[in-house]
Amino acid sequence: MVQNFYDNNREKIGKKINGIPVISPQEKSKKDFIIITTTWADEVWHELTAASFKLNEDFIIMKY
């Protein structure tokens, strides 16, 4: 079940998409897991790893 959307764009944080809140990745709780589905996956990977998020522990990337 999707509980949040994560985005570092300050214009999107605090808004909702289909009733689901958009929050900053820094607000991620330990129990949350991020699934990245974007054409910008490499950029997002760099941002998350620079912020000490760990691939396969905190997030995965679904490339298409």
C-alpha atoms as a PDB file:
ATOM      1  CA  MET A   1       0.000   0.000   0.000  1.00  0.00           C
ATOM      2  CA  VAL A   2       1.362   3.390  -0.956  1.00  0.00           C
ATOM      3  CA  GLN A   3       1.430   5.654   2.081  1.00  0.00           C
ATOM      4  CA  ASN A   4       3.542   8.558   0.790  1.00  0.00           C
ATOM      5  CA  PHE A   5       5.187   9.974  -2.266  1.00  0.00           C
ATOM      6  CA  TYR A   6       8.696  11.288  -1.675  1.00  0.00           C
ATOM      7  CA  ASP A   7      10.007  14.296  -3.549  1.00  0.00           C
ATOM      8  CA  ASN A   8      12.722  16.842  -2.893  1.00  0.00           C
ATOM      9  CA  ASN A   9      10.868  19.498  -4.889  1.00  0.00           C
ATOM     10  CA  ARG A  10       9.699  22.008  -2.277  1.00  0.00           C
ATOM     11  CA  GLU A  11       6.750  23.001  -4.471  1.00  0.00           C
ATOM     12  CA  LYS A  12       5.354  19.452  -4.245  1.00  0.00           C
ATOM     13  CA  ILE A  13       6.064  18.734  -0.555  1.00  0.00           C
ATOM     14  CA  GLY A  14       2.926  19.135   1.542  1.00  0.00           C
ATOM     15  CA  LYS A  15       0.581  18.528  -1.379  1.00  0.00           C
ATOM     16  CA  LYS A  16      -1.287  15.329  -2.232  1.00  0.00           C
ATOM     17  CA  ILE A  17      -1.460  13.120  -5.310  1.00  0.00           C
ATOM     18  CA  ASN A  18      -4.715  11.162  -5.438  1.00  0.00           C
ATOM     19  CA  GLY A  19      -5.082  11.764  -1.699  1.00  0.00           C
ATOM     20  CA  ILE A  20      -1.561  10.503  -0.879  1.00  0.00           C
ATOM     21  CA  PRO A  21       0.787  13.010   0.814  1.00  0.00           C
ATOM     22  CA  VAL A  22       4.011  14.170  -0.831  1.00  0.00           C
ATOM     23  CA  ILE A  23       6.807  14.434   1.730  1.00  0.00           C
ATOM     24  CA  SER A  24      10.552  15.014   1.770  1.00  0.00           C
ATOM     25  CA  PRO A  25      12.818  11.918   1.693  1.00  0.00           C
ATOM     26  CA  GLN A  26      14.295  13.164   4.982  1.00  0.00           C
ATOM     27  CA  GLU A  27      10.902  12.444   6.586  1.00  0.00           C
ATOM     28  CA  LYS A  28      11.182   8.728   5.769  1.00  0.00           C
ATOM     29  CA  SER A  29      10.724   6.515   8.806  1.00  0.00           C
ATOM     30  CA  LYS A  30      12.832   3.372   9.314  1.00  0.00           C
ATOM     31  CA  LYS A  31       9.856   1.145   8.488  1.00  0.00           C
ATOM     32  CA  ASP A  32       9.199   2.844   5.137  1.00  0.00           C
ATOM     33  CA  PHE A  33      10.685   1.487   1.911  1.00  0.00           C
ATOM     34  CA  ILE A  34      11.065   3.626  -1.208  1.00  0.00           C
ATOM     35  CA  ILE A  35      10.398   2.242  -4.685  1.00  0.00           C
ATOM     36  CA  ILE A  36      11.839   4.511  -7.367  1.00  0.00           C
ATOM     37  CA  THR A  37      10.014   4.503 -10.699  1.00  0.00           C
ATOM     38  CA  THR A  38      11.292   7.379 -12.772  1.00  0.00           C
ATOM     39  CA  THR A  39      13.341   8.080 -15.846  1.00  0.00           C
ATOM     40  CA  TRP A  40      15.558  10.092 -13.478  1.00  0.00           C
ATOM     41  CA  ALA A  41      16.478   6.987 -11.447  1.00  0.00           C
ATOM     42  CA  ASP A  42      20.242   7.526 -11.658  1.00  0.00           C
ATOM     43  CA  GLU A  43      19.928  11.069 -10.323  1.00  0.00           C
ATOM     44  CA  VAL A  44      17.608   9.947  -7.535  1.00  0.00           C
ATOM     45  CA  TRP A  45      20.005   7.098  -6.643  1.00  0.00           C
ATOM     46  CA  HIS A  46      22.873   9.588  -6.299  1.00  0.00           C
ATOM     47  CA  GLU A  47      20.768  11.907  -4.123  1.00  0.00           C
ATOM     48  CA  LEU A  48      19.596   9.120  -1.818  1.00  0.00           C
ATOM     49  CA  THR A  49      23.000   7.470  -1.398  1.00  0.00           C
ATOM     50  CA  ALA A  50      24.554  10.887  -0.707  1.00  0.00           C
ATOM     51  CA  ALA A  51      21.958  11.248   2.080  1.00  0.00           C
ATOM     52  CA  SER A  52      23.034   7.848   3.555  1.00  0.00           C
ATOM     53  CA  PHE A  53      20.096   5.849   2.203  1.00  0.00           C
ATOM     54  CA  LYS A  54      21.101   2.284   1.289  1.00  0.00           C
ATOM     55  CA  LEU A  55      20.081   0.491  -1.896  1.00  0.00           C
ATOM     56  CA  ASN A  56      17.975  -2.618  -1.160  1.00  0.00           C
ATOM     57  CA  GLU A  57      17.635  -1.623   2.519  1.00  0.00           C
ATOM     58  CA  ASP A  58      15.939   1.767   2.187  1.00  0.00           C
ATOM     59  CA  PHE A  59      15.046   1.813  -1.509  1.00  0.00           C
ATOM     60  CA  ILE A  60      15.054  -0.054  -4.822  1.00  0.00           C
ATOM     61  CA  ILE A  61      15.024   1.201  -8.389  1.00  0.00           C
ATOM     62  CA  MET A  62      12.550  -0.109 -10.950  1.00  0.00           C
ATOM     63  CA  LYS A  63      13.997   0.864 -14.332  1.00  0.00           C
ATOM     64  CA  TYR A  64      11.877   0.601 -17.427  1.00  0.00           C
END
